[in-house]
Amino acid sequence: MKSKIIYFLGMFIILLCCSWGFYAHKLINQSAVFTLPTQLAQFYKKHVQTITEKAVDADRRCYIDTLESPRHFIDIDDYEEESIDSIPIHWSKAVAKYEERRLRAQGIVPWQIYRSYQNLVTAFADGDVTRIVRYSADLGHYIADAHVPLHTTKNYNGQFSEQIGIHAFWESRLPEMFAGKYNLFVGKAEYIEDPLQLAWDIIKESNALVDNVLQIEKELSNSFPKHQQKSYINRKNVLVLTYSDDYAKAYHDKMEGMVEARMRKSIQRIGSYWFSAWVDAGQPKLNMKYRPLETEDIPDIQNKRIIGREEWH
């Protein structure tokens, strides 16, 4: 009995804390491979399984690395005295204005996207397939996170609006239920002229959706029968109390395709960042020798707590 309780708690924490959910992150990275032009697609398809599996490594690092958590979000509304457009997009200028400690406390995902992009460019230029695969997976993760509206607000889990749990509901429960019906064929990757600016454009898009994400759920909660909003579901032979299927469908329908749209944009832009990194590296030939990736010494996260903001996902 005790082991079942521990397992239940571990599964609940994983469900709560995984941005987009492990399932959705893997699906997004996998789908991005099919946006690439032929020469690059051949390389990525060869490593698609690894890039897919490693799509969640950035989340797993949150359990062992004190610096990892802020890389997944940015609390735009913590810059209360200013608008998003007043935040310098270049890291050095932002540090000069706010100091690094404040920036990291409020999240650094747009800068992390650009840093990961630069790492990928260097890996391509160096001909290091192992690093190309690793940085491609990580870059895909951070870009996908930036497309989640609740990754751009200090009310990231509805804790200030009596909607605790909405984070995992929006980005884990809904994709797990409905992504199988989404159209994830998003067209071809495109060259990105300014990767840092695009990262900030993504944040602005996501932040503009925050009020809708919260308001629609709040209105639904007030009209939907309370006793029908939650139910137990079976996850790996463990009963977990979560939002009911009917409530999830009603919320999903009222958002009129928002989750699918954010996933589609994530996929197209991840492919575009990968393609652009390759171009910026000089379009090297991709027949380099591959060294099997190590696990980065990430332990089993079951029953462990993440370091830092526990519900940032």
C-alpha atoms as a PDB file:
ATOM      1  CA  MET A   1       0.000   0.000   0.000  1.00  0.00           C
ATOM      2  CA  LYS A   2       2.786   2.410   0.922  1.00  0.00           C
ATOM      3  CA  SER A   3       4.556   1.814  -2.396  1.00  0.00           C
ATOM      4  CA  LYS A   4       1.345   2.571  -4.286  1.00  0.00           C
ATOM      5  CA  ILE A   5       0.945   5.870  -2.432  1.00  0.00           C
ATOM      6  CA  ILE A   6       4.533   6.840  -3.232  1.00  0.00           C
ATOM      7  CA  TYR A   7       4.005   5.895  -6.870  1.00  0.00           C
ATOM      8  CA  PHE A   8       0.794   7.926  -7.000  1.00  0.00           C
ATOM      9  CA  LEU A   9       2.538  10.998  -5.623  1.00  0.00           C
ATOM     10  CA  GLY A  10       5.380  10.586  -8.090  1.00  0.00           C
ATOM     11  CA  MET A  11       3.009  10.317 -11.035  1.00  0.00           C
ATOM     12  CA  PHE A  12       1.043  13.354  -9.840  1.00  0.00           C
ATOM     13  CA  ILE A  13       4.180  15.493  -9.581  1.00  0.00           C
ATOM     14  CA  ILE A  14       5.325  14.403 -13.044  1.00  0.00           C
ATOM     15  CA  LEU A  15       1.891  15.206 -14.504  1.00  0.00           C
ATOM     16  CA  LEU A  16       1.869  18.601 -12.784  1.00  0.00           C
ATOM     17  CA  CYS A  17       5.385  19.692 -13.579  1.00  0.00           C
ATOM     18  CA  CYS A  18       6.012  18.626 -17.162  1.00  0.00           C
ATOM     19  CA  SER A  19       5.634  21.452 -19.634  1.00  0.00           C
ATOM     20  CA  TRP A  20       3.387  20.451 -22.570  1.00  0.00           C
ATOM     21  CA  GLY A  21       3.539  16.997 -20.970  1.00  0.00           C
ATOM     22  CA  PHE A  22       6.128  14.415 -21.968  1.00  0.00           C
ATOM     23  CA  TYR A  23       3.789  13.102 -24.668  1.00  0.00           C
ATOM     24  CA  ALA A  24       3.252  16.497 -26.324  1.00  0.00           C
ATOM     25  CA  HIS A  25       6.918  17.561 -26.196  1.00  0.00           C
ATOM     26  CA  LYS A  26       7.959  14.351 -27.904  1.00  0.00           C
ATOM     27  CA  LEU A  27       5.223  14.687 -30.503  1.00  0.00           C
ATOM     28  CA  ILE A  28       6.208  18.292 -31.256  1.00  0.00           C
ATOM     29  CA  ASN A  29       9.900  17.488 -31.759  1.00  0.00           C
ATOM     30  CA  GLN A  30       9.080  14.448 -33.851  1.00  0.00           C
ATOM     31  CA  SER A  31       6.683  16.396 -36.069  1.00  0.00           C
ATOM     32  CA  ALA A  32       9.206  19.217 -36.570  1.00  0.00           C
ATOM     33  CA  VAL A  33      11.557  16.799 -38.343  1.00  0.00           C
ATOM     34  CA  PHE A  34       9.076  16.557 -41.219  1.00  0.00           C
ATOM     35  CA  THR A  35       9.175  20.307 -41.899  1.00  0.00           C
ATOM     36  CA  LEU A  36      12.809  20.173 -43.046  1.00  0.00           C
ATOM     37  CA  PRO A  37      14.180  20.310 -46.603  1.00  0.00           C
ATOM     38  CA  THR A  38      15.426  17.051 -48.095  1.00  0.00           C
ATOM     39  CA  GLN A  39      19.138  17.197 -47.229  1.00  0.00           C
ATOM     40  CA  LEU A  40      18.504  18.180 -43.630  1.00  0.00           C
ATOM     41  CA  ALA A  41      15.487  15.899 -43.271  1.00  0.00           C
ATOM     42  CA  GLN A  42      17.594  12.852 -44.134  1.00  0.00           C
ATOM     43  CA  PHE A  43      19.891  13.614 -41.235  1.00  0.00           C
ATOM     44  CA  TYR A  44      17.121  14.382 -38.751  1.00  0.00           C
ATOM     45  CA  LYS A  45      15.051  11.363 -39.752  1.00  0.00           C
ATOM     46  CA  LYS A  46      18.095   9.199 -39.069  1.00  0.00           C
ATOM     47  CA  HIS A  47      18.133  10.565 -35.506  1.00  0.00           C
ATOM     48  CA  VAL A  48      14.419  11.222 -35.055  1.00  0.00           C
ATOM     49  CA  GLN A  49      14.016   8.651 -32.293  1.00  0.00           C
ATOM     50  CA  THR A  50      16.757  10.201 -30.169  1.00  0.00           C
ATOM     51  CA  ILE A  51      15.580  13.769 -30.797  1.00  0.00           C
ATOM     52  CA  THR A  52      12.076  12.668 -29.855  1.00  0.00           C
ATOM     53  CA  GLU A  53      13.099  10.900 -26.662  1.00  0.00           C
ATOM     54  CA  LYS A  54      15.438  13.710 -25.601  1.00  0.00           C
ATOM     55  CA  ALA A  55      12.684  16.304 -26.076  1.00  0.00           C
ATOM     56  CA  VAL A  56      11.976  16.007 -22.341  1.00  0.00           C
ATOM     57  CA  ASP A  57      15.560  16.100 -21.047  1.00  0.00           C
ATOM     58  CA  ALA A  58      15.240  19.809 -20.253  1.00  0.00           C
ATOM     59  CA  ASP A  59      12.302  19.056 -17.952  1.00  0.00           C
ATOM     60  CA  ARG A  60      14.157  16.190 -16.326  1.00  0.00           C
ATOM     61  CA  ARG A  61      17.119  18.472 -15.566  1.00  0.00           C
ATOM     62  CA  CYS A  62      14.842  20.576 -13.375  1.00  0.00           C
ATOM     63  CA  TYR A  63      15.160  17.855 -10.755  1.00  0.00           C
ATOM     64  CA  ILE A  64      18.948  18.149 -10.514  1.00  0.00           C
ATOM     65  CA  ASP A  65      19.989  21.582 -11.803  1.00  0.00           C
ATOM     66  CA  THR A  66      19.195  24.759  -9.856  1.00  0.00           C
ATOM     67  CA  LEU A  67      19.668  26.878 -12.999  1.00  0.00           C
ATOM     68  CA  GLU A  68      17.303  24.939 -15.252  1.00  0.00           C
ATOM     69  CA  SER A  69      13.834  25.990 -14.110  1.00  0.00           C
ATOM     70  CA  PRO A  70      14.009  29.678 -15.214  1.00  0.00           C
ATOM     71  CA  ARG A  71      14.959  28.609 -18.740  1.00  0.00           C
ATOM     72  CA  HIS A  72      11.382  27.462 -19.386  1.00  0.00           C
ATOM     73  CA  PHE A  73       9.337  30.601 -18.662  1.00  0.00           C
ATOM     74  CA  ILE A  74       9.253  34.373 -18.320  1.00  0.00           C
ATOM     75  CA  ASP A  75       6.875  36.252 -16.019  1.00  0.00           C
ATOM     76  CA  ILE A  76       6.089  39.241 -18.204  1.00  0.00           C
ATOM     77  CA  ASP A  77       3.657  40.712 -15.691  1.00  0.00           C
ATOM     78  CA  ASP A  78       6.393  40.855 -13.047  1.00  0.00           C
ATOM     79  CA  TYR A  79       7.729  43.793 -15.024  1.00  0.00           C
ATOM     80  CA  GLU A  80       4.718  45.701 -13.707  1.00  0.00           C
ATOM     81  CA  GLU A  81       6.074  49.187 -14.240  1.00  0.00           C
ATOM     82  CA  GLU A  82       6.743  48.598 -17.927  1.00  0.00           C
ATOM     83  CA  SER A  83       5.304  46.948 -21.019  1.00  0.00           C
ATOM     84  CA  ILE A  84       6.813  43.911 -22.704  1.00  0.00           C
ATOM     85  CA  ASP A  85       8.201  46.160 -25.441  1.00  0.00           C
ATOM     86  CA  SER A  86      10.295  48.033 -22.883  1.00  0.00           C
ATOM     87  CA  ILE A  87      12.266  44.906 -21.912  1.00  0.00           C
ATOM     88  CA  PRO A  88      15.572  44.894 -23.846  1.00  0.00           C
ATOM     89  CA  ILE A  89      15.679  41.820 -26.038  1.00  0.00           C
ATOM     90  CA  HIS A  90      19.473  41.554 -25.880  1.00  0.00           C
ATOM     91  CA  TRP A  91      20.757  39.848 -22.735  1.00  0.00           C
ATOM     92  CA  SER A  92      23.569  42.290 -22.011  1.00  0.00           C
ATOM     93  CA  LYS A  93      21.220  45.278 -22.197  1.00  0.00           C
ATOM     94  CA  ALA A  94      18.592  43.523 -20.085  1.00  0.00           C
ATOM     95  CA  VAL A  95      21.209  42.726 -17.424  1.00  0.00           C
ATOM     96  CA  ALA A  96      22.347  46.340 -17.418  1.00  0.00           C
ATOM     97  CA  LYS A  97      18.764  47.495 -16.885  1.00  0.00           C
ATOM     98  CA  TYR A  98      17.456  44.895 -14.399  1.00  0.00           C
ATOM     99  CA  GLU A  99      20.470  42.899 -13.101  1.00  0.00           C
ATOM    100  CA  GLU A 100      20.894  39.216 -13.830  1.00  0.00           C
ATOM    101  CA  ARG A 101      19.473  38.029 -10.510  1.00  0.00           C
ATOM    102  CA  ARG A 102      16.090  39.613 -11.228  1.00  0.00           C
ATOM    103  CA  LEU A 103      16.009  38.349 -14.787  1.00  0.00           C
ATOM    104  CA  ARG A 104      16.642  34.778 -13.725  1.00  0.00           C
ATOM    105  CA  ALA A 105      14.065  35.000 -10.945  1.00  0.00           C
ATOM    106  CA  GLN A 106      11.434  36.062 -13.466  1.00  0.00           C
ATOM    107  CA  GLY A 107      12.451  33.599 -16.177  1.00  0.00           C
ATOM    108  CA  ILE A 108      14.708  33.740 -19.226  1.00  0.00           C
ATOM    109  CA  VAL A 109      13.116  31.510 -21.889  1.00  0.00           C
ATOM    110  CA  PRO A 110      13.505  33.896 -24.883  1.00  0.00           C
ATOM    111  CA  TRP A 111      17.201  34.349 -24.148  1.00  0.00           C
ATOM    112  CA  GLN A 112      17.566  30.599 -23.576  1.00  0.00           C
ATOM    113  CA  ILE A 113      16.074  29.922 -27.000  1.00  0.00           C
ATOM    114  CA  TYR A 114      18.688  32.172 -28.576  1.00  0.00           C
ATOM    115  CA  ARG A 115      21.510  30.655 -26.530  1.00  0.00           C
ATOM    116  CA  SER A 116      20.454  27.135 -27.509  1.00  0.00           C
ATOM    117  CA  TYR A 117      20.233  28.265 -31.124  1.00  0.00           C
ATOM    118  CA  GLN A 118      23.803  29.571 -31.009  1.00  0.00           C
ATOM    119  CA  ASN A 119      24.925  26.286 -29.447  1.00  0.00           C
ATOM    120  CA  LEU A 120      23.304  24.410 -32.322  1.00  0.00           C
ATOM    121  CA  VAL A 121      24.985  26.627 -34.927  1.00  0.00           C
ATOM    122  CA  THR A 122      28.356  25.898 -33.316  1.00  0.00           C
ATOM    123  CA  ALA A 123      27.636  22.170 -33.179  1.00  0.00           C
ATOM    124  CA  PHE A 124      26.818  22.160 -36.900  1.00  0.00           C
ATOM    125  CA  ALA A 125      29.968  24.154 -37.690  1.00  0.00           C
ATOM    126  CA  ASP A 126      32.085  21.752 -35.606  1.00  0.00           C
ATOM    127  CA  GLY A 127      30.557  18.694 -37.264  1.00  0.00           C
ATOM    128  CA  ASP A 128      29.658  17.222 -33.875  1.00  0.00           C
ATOM    129  CA  VAL A 129      26.596  15.051 -34.471  1.00  0.00           C
ATOM    130  CA  THR A 130      26.211  14.212 -30.808  1.00  0.00           C
ATOM    131  CA  ARG A 131      25.881  17.881 -29.891  1.00  0.00           C
ATOM    132  CA  ILE A 132      23.678  18.600 -32.908  1.00  0.00           C
ATOM    133  CA  VAL A 133      21.182  16.011 -31.717  1.00  0.00           C
ATOM    134  CA  ARG A 134      21.336  17.167 -28.103  1.00  0.00           C
ATOM    135  CA  TYR A 135      20.951  20.882 -28.858  1.00  0.00           C
ATOM    136  CA  SER A 136      18.230  20.229 -31.436  1.00  0.00           C
ATOM    137  CA  ALA A 137      16.204  18.395 -28.798  1.00  0.00           C
ATOM    138  CA  ASP A 138      16.744  21.094 -26.167  1.00  0.00           C
ATOM    139  CA  LEU A 139      16.048  23.954 -28.558  1.00  0.00           C
ATOM    140  CA  GLY A 140      12.796  22.275 -29.567  1.00  0.00           C
ATOM    141  CA  HIS A 141      11.806  22.015 -25.935  1.00  0.00           C
ATOM    142  CA  TYR A 142      12.376  25.677 -25.090  1.00  0.00           C
ATOM    143  CA  ILE A 143      10.626  26.899 -28.248  1.00  0.00           C
ATOM    144  CA  ALA A 144       7.620  24.726 -27.468  1.00  0.00           C
ATOM    145  CA  ASP A 145       7.517  26.036 -23.896  1.00  0.00           C
ATOM    146  CA  ALA A 146       7.513  29.622 -25.149  1.00  0.00           C
ATOM    147  CA  HIS A 147       4.327  28.865 -27.112  1.00  0.00           C
ATOM    148  CA  VAL A 148       2.434  28.053 -23.900  1.00  0.00           C
ATOM    149  CA  PRO A 149       0.571  31.158 -22.648  1.00  0.00           C
ATOM    150  CA  LEU A 150       0.930  30.190 -18.983  1.00  0.00           C
ATOM    151  CA  HIS A 151       4.710  30.194 -19.380  1.00  0.00           C
ATOM    152  CA  THR A 152       4.563  33.978 -19.704  1.00  0.00           C
ATOM    153  CA  THR A 153       2.765  34.988 -16.500  1.00  0.00           C
ATOM    154  CA  LYS A 154       3.368  34.920 -12.764  1.00  0.00           C
ATOM    155  CA  ASN A 155      -0.140  33.442 -12.449  1.00  0.00           C
ATOM    156  CA  TYR A 156       1.279  30.383 -14.194  1.00  0.00           C
ATOM    157  CA  ASN A 157      -0.851  27.843 -12.325  1.00  0.00           C
ATOM    158  CA  GLY A 158      -3.918  29.930 -11.576  1.00  0.00           C
ATOM    159  CA  GLN A 159      -2.752  30.435  -7.996  1.00  0.00           C
ATOM    160  CA  PHE A 160      -3.844  34.085  -8.005  1.00  0.00           C
ATOM    161  CA  SER A 161      -7.226  33.450  -9.632  1.00  0.00           C
ATOM    162  CA  GLU A 162      -8.428  30.352  -7.745  1.00  0.00           C
ATOM    163  CA  GLN A 163      -7.657  28.113 -10.720  1.00  0.00           C
ATOM    164  CA  ILE A 164      -4.843  25.993  -9.305  1.00  0.00           C
ATOM    165  CA  GLY A 165      -4.065  23.112 -11.623  1.00  0.00           C
ATOM    166  CA  ILE A 166      -4.903  24.903 -14.862  1.00  0.00           C
ATOM    167  CA  HIS A 167      -1.299  24.704 -16.063  1.00  0.00           C
ATOM    168  CA  ALA A 168      -1.092  20.934 -16.339  1.00  0.00           C
ATOM    169  CA  PHE A 169      -4.709  20.925 -17.519  1.00  0.00           C
ATOM    170  CA  TRP A 170      -3.994  23.181 -20.507  1.00  0.00           C
ATOM    171  CA  GLU A 171      -0.629  21.856 -21.629  1.00  0.00           C
ATOM    172  CA  SER A 172      -0.738  18.195 -20.579  1.00  0.00           C
ATOM    173  CA  ARG A 173      -4.287  16.890 -20.190  1.00  0.00           C
ATOM    174  CA  LEU A 174      -5.719  18.564 -23.292  1.00  0.00           C
ATOM    175  CA  PRO A 175      -2.939  17.525 -25.719  1.00  0.00           C
ATOM    176  CA  GLU A 176      -3.015  13.990 -24.366  1.00  0.00           C
ATOM    177  CA  MET A 177      -6.752  13.836 -25.033  1.00  0.00           C
ATOM    178  CA  PHE A 178      -6.997  15.651 -28.360  1.00  0.00           C
ATOM    179  CA  ALA A 179      -3.644  15.825 -30.167  1.00  0.00           C
ATOM    180  CA  GLY A 180      -4.442  12.627 -32.026  1.00  0.00           C
ATOM    181  CA  LYS A 181      -7.060  14.613 -33.957  1.00  0.00           C
ATOM    182  CA  TYR A 182      -4.853  17.642 -34.669  1.00  0.00           C
ATOM    183  CA  ASN A 183      -3.463  18.436 -38.090  1.00  0.00           C
ATOM    184  CA  LEU A 184       0.263  18.630 -37.367  1.00  0.00           C
ATOM    185  CA  PHE A 185       1.426  18.856 -40.979  1.00  0.00           C
ATOM    186  CA  VAL A 186       2.454  22.483 -40.927  1.00  0.00           C
ATOM    187  CA  GLY A 187       4.390  23.049 -44.133  1.00  0.00           C
ATOM    188  CA  LYS A 188       8.053  23.718 -44.709  1.00  0.00           C
ATOM    189  CA  ALA A 189      10.630  25.209 -42.394  1.00  0.00           C
ATOM    190  CA  GLU A 190      11.746  28.716 -43.324  1.00  0.00           C
ATOM    191  CA  TYR A 191      14.964  30.620 -42.772  1.00  0.00           C
ATOM    192  CA  ILE A 192      14.794  32.918 -39.720  1.00  0.00           C
ATOM    193  CA  GLU A 193      16.485  36.269 -40.252  1.00  0.00           C
ATOM    194  CA  ASP A 194      16.548  37.213 -36.556  1.00  0.00           C
ATOM    195  CA  PRO A 195      16.265  34.226 -34.174  1.00  0.00           C
ATOM    196  CA  LEU A 196      16.308  36.378 -31.035  1.00  0.00           C
ATOM    197  CA  GLN A 197      13.555  38.684 -32.277  1.00  0.00           C
ATOM    198  CA  LEU A 198      11.395  35.704 -33.221  1.00  0.00           C
ATOM    199  CA  ALA A 199      11.828  34.286 -29.713  1.00  0.00           C
ATOM    200  CA  TRP A 200      10.401  37.520 -28.315  1.00  0.00           C
ATOM    201  CA  ASP A 201       7.619  37.574 -30.898  1.00  0.00           C
ATOM    202  CA  ILE A 202       6.596  34.107 -29.701  1.00  0.00           C
ATOM    203  CA  ILE A 203       6.498  35.349 -26.105  1.00  0.00           C
ATOM    204  CA  LYS A 204       4.306  38.300 -27.110  1.00  0.00           C
ATOM    205  CA  GLU A 205       1.898  35.979 -28.930  1.00  0.00           C
ATOM    206  CA  SER A 206       1.657  33.652 -25.949  1.00  0.00           C
ATOM    207  CA  ASN A 207       1.289  36.432 -23.412  1.00  0.00           C
ATOM    208  CA  ALA A 208      -1.577  37.953 -25.403  1.00  0.00           C
ATOM    209  CA  LEU A 209      -3.503  34.679 -24.879  1.00  0.00           C
ATOM    210  CA  VAL A 210      -3.118  34.482 -21.090  1.00  0.00           C
ATOM    211  CA  ASP A 211      -6.364  36.294 -20.268  1.00  0.00           C
ATOM    212  CA  ASN A 212      -8.357  34.047 -22.599  1.00  0.00           C
ATOM    213  CA  VAL A 213      -6.835  30.879 -21.145  1.00  0.00           C
ATOM    214  CA  LEU A 214      -7.834  31.926 -17.644  1.00  0.00           C
ATOM    215  CA  GLN A 215     -11.138  33.659 -18.378  1.00  0.00           C
ATOM    216  CA  ILE A 216     -12.588  30.855 -20.487  1.00  0.00           C
ATOM    217  CA  GLU A 217     -11.838  28.266 -17.793  1.00  0.00           C
ATOM    218  CA  LYS A 218     -13.198  30.544 -15.053  1.00  0.00           C
ATOM    219  CA  GLU A 219     -16.477  31.081 -16.921  1.00  0.00           C
ATOM    220  CA  LEU A 220     -16.779  27.385 -17.660  1.00  0.00           C
ATOM    221  CA  SER A 221     -16.131  26.509 -14.017  1.00  0.00           C
ATOM    222  CA  ASN A 222     -18.960  28.802 -12.947  1.00  0.00           C
ATOM    223  CA  SER A 223     -21.459  27.243 -15.371  1.00  0.00           C
ATOM    224  CA  PHE A 224     -20.427  23.580 -15.405  1.00  0.00           C
ATOM    225  CA  PRO A 225     -21.863  21.331 -12.635  1.00  0.00           C
ATOM    226  CA  LYS A 226     -19.224  21.210  -9.890  1.00  0.00           C
ATOM    227  CA  HIS A 227     -19.587  17.487  -9.244  1.00  0.00           C
ATOM    228  CA  GLN A 228     -18.860  16.777 -12.911  1.00  0.00           C
ATOM    229  CA  GLN A 229     -15.682  18.846 -13.236  1.00  0.00           C
ATOM    230  CA  LYS A 230     -13.293  16.274 -11.771  1.00  0.00           C
ATOM    231  CA  SER A 231     -13.045  12.519 -12.079  1.00  0.00           C
ATOM    232  CA  TYR A 232     -10.547   9.707 -11.566  1.00  0.00           C
ATOM    233  CA  ILE A 233      -8.613   8.420 -14.546  1.00  0.00           C
ATOM    234  CA  ASN A 234      -6.358   5.386 -14.770  1.00  0.00           C
ATOM    235  CA  ARG A 235      -2.719   6.252 -15.432  1.00  0.00           C
ATOM    236  CA  LYS A 236      -0.515   3.161 -15.508  1.00  0.00           C
ATOM    237  CA  ASN A 237      -2.864   1.275 -13.189  1.00  0.00           C
ATOM    238  CA  VAL A 238      -3.053   4.177 -10.716  1.00  0.00           C
ATOM    239  CA  LEU A 239      -6.229   6.205 -10.198  1.00  0.00           C
ATOM    240  CA  VAL A 240      -5.508   9.935 -10.468  1.00  0.00           C
ATOM    241  CA  LEU A 241      -8.018  12.685  -9.704  1.00  0.00           C
ATOM    242  CA  THR A 242      -8.014  15.208 -12.537  1.00  0.00           C
ATOM    243  CA  TYR A 243     -10.366  17.180 -14.767  1.00  0.00           C
ATOM    244  CA  SER A 244     -13.100  14.992 -16.210  1.00  0.00           C
ATOM    245  CA  ASP A 245     -13.259  14.122 -19.892  1.00  0.00           C
ATOM    246  CA  ASP A 246     -16.479  16.104 -20.313  1.00  0.00           C
ATOM    247  CA  TYR A 247     -15.042  19.183 -18.642  1.00  0.00           C
ATOM    248  CA  ALA A 248     -11.827  18.941 -20.647  1.00  0.00           C
ATOM    249  CA  LYS A 249     -13.792  18.661 -23.890  1.00  0.00           C
ATOM    250  CA  ALA A 250     -15.941  21.657 -23.000  1.00  0.00           C
ATOM    251  CA  TYR A 251     -12.856  23.762 -22.196  1.00  0.00           C
ATOM    252  CA  HIS A 252     -11.064  22.591 -25.304  1.00  0.00           C
ATOM    253  CA  ASP A 253     -14.072  23.440 -27.485  1.00  0.00           C
ATOM    254  CA  LYS A 254     -14.499  26.904 -25.984  1.00  0.00           C
ATOM    255  CA  MET A 255     -10.884  27.785 -26.783  1.00  0.00           C
ATOM    256  CA  GLU A 256     -11.685  27.153 -30.454  1.00  0.00           C
ATOM    257  CA  GLY A 257      -8.449  25.464 -31.497  1.00  0.00           C
ATOM    258  CA  MET A 258      -5.999  27.443 -29.381  1.00  0.00           C
ATOM    259  CA  VAL A 259      -4.018  24.414 -28.171  1.00  0.00           C
ATOM    260  CA  GLU A 260      -3.743  22.963 -31.657  1.00  0.00           C
ATOM    261  CA  ALA A 261      -2.695  26.336 -33.072  1.00  0.00           C
ATOM    262  CA  ARG A 262       0.084  26.748 -30.505  1.00  0.00           C
ATOM    263  CA  MET A 263       1.323  23.210 -31.161  1.00  0.00           C
ATOM    264  CA  ARG A 264       1.315  23.811 -34.923  1.00  0.00           C
ATOM    265  CA  LYS A 265       3.294  27.031 -34.581  1.00  0.00           C
ATOM    266  CA  SER A 266       5.739  25.286 -32.234  1.00  0.00           C
ATOM    267  CA  ILE A 267       6.383  22.576 -34.795  1.00  0.00           C
ATOM    268  CA  GLN A 268       6.897  24.920 -37.746  1.00  0.00           C
ATOM    269  CA  ARG A 269       9.165  27.237 -35.807  1.00  0.00           C
ATOM    270  CA  ILE A 270      11.274  24.471 -34.300  1.00  0.00           C
ATOM    271  CA  GLY A 271      11.935  23.147 -37.782  1.00  0.00           C
ATOM    272  CA  SER A 272      12.758  26.678 -38.919  1.00  0.00           C
ATOM    273  CA  TYR A 273      15.233  27.206 -36.080  1.00  0.00           C
ATOM    274  CA  TRP A 274      16.951  23.891 -36.869  1.00  0.00           C
ATOM    275  CA  PHE A 275      17.116  24.749 -40.576  1.00  0.00           C
ATOM    276  CA  SER A 276      18.393  28.277 -39.890  1.00  0.00           C
ATOM    277  CA  ALA A 277      21.118  27.011 -37.558  1.00  0.00           C
ATOM    278  CA  TRP A 278      22.338  24.694 -40.290  1.00  0.00           C
ATOM    279  CA  VAL A 279      22.322  27.521 -42.846  1.00  0.00           C
ATOM    280  CA  ASP A 280      24.125  29.901 -40.480  1.00  0.00           C
ATOM    281  CA  ALA A 281      26.768  27.218 -39.915  1.00  0.00           C
ATOM    282  CA  GLY A 282      27.493  27.151 -43.655  1.00  0.00           C
ATOM    283  CA  GLN A 283      25.235  24.229 -44.608  1.00  0.00           C
ATOM    284  CA  PRO A 284      27.806  21.541 -43.715  1.00  0.00           C
ATOM    285  CA  LYS A 285      27.510  18.029 -45.061  1.00  0.00           C
ATOM    286  CA  LEU A 286      25.766  15.835 -42.536  1.00  0.00           C
ATOM    287  CA  ASN A 287      27.505  12.496 -42.932  1.00  0.00           C
ATOM    288  CA  MET A 288      29.588  12.984 -39.793  1.00  0.00           C
ATOM    289  CA  LYS A 289      30.221  10.142 -37.384  1.00  0.00           C
ATOM    290  CA  TYR A 290      27.709   9.848 -34.565  1.00  0.00           C
ATOM    291  CA  ARG A 291      28.662   8.994 -31.003  1.00  0.00           C
ATOM    292  CA  PRO A 292      25.751   7.511 -29.015  1.00  0.00           C
ATOM    293  CA  LEU A 293      24.342  10.083 -26.620  1.00  0.00           C
ATOM    294  CA  GLU A 294      24.773   9.556 -22.946  1.00  0.00           C
ATOM    295  CA  THR A 295      21.877  10.070 -20.548  1.00  0.00           C
ATOM    296  CA  GLU A 296      23.446  13.261 -19.113  1.00  0.00           C
ATOM    297  CA  ASP A 297      23.383  11.577 -15.709  1.00  0.00           C
ATOM    298  CA  ILE A 298      19.722  12.465 -15.268  1.00  0.00           C
ATOM    299  CA  PRO A 299      18.371  10.131 -12.576  1.00  0.00           C
ATOM    300  CA  ASP A 300      14.939   8.561 -12.424  1.00  0.00           C
ATOM    301  CA  ILE A 301      12.671  11.499 -11.527  1.00  0.00           C
ATOM    302  CA  GLN A 302       9.901   9.400 -10.034  1.00  0.00           C
ATOM    303  CA  ASN A 303       9.160  10.524  -6.464  1.00  0.00           C
ATOM    304  CA  LYS A 304      11.594  13.452  -6.761  1.00  0.00           C
ATOM    305  CA  ARG A 305      10.859  17.161  -6.467  1.00  0.00           C
ATOM    306  CA  ILE A 306      12.089  19.694  -8.944  1.00  0.00           C
ATOM    307  CA  ILE A 307      14.530  22.327  -7.813  1.00  0.00           C
ATOM    308  CA  GLY A 308      13.084  25.807  -7.897  1.00  0.00           C
ATOM    309  CA  ARG A 309       9.578  26.828  -8.876  1.00  0.00           C
ATOM    310  CA  GLU A 310       7.659  23.596  -8.641  1.00  0.00           C
ATOM    311  CA  GLU A 311       4.643  24.549 -10.705  1.00  0.00           C
ATOM    312  CA  TRP A 312       6.392  26.600 -13.348  1.00  0.00           C
ATOM    313  CA  HIS A 313       5.156  24.037 -15.858  1.00  0.00           C
END
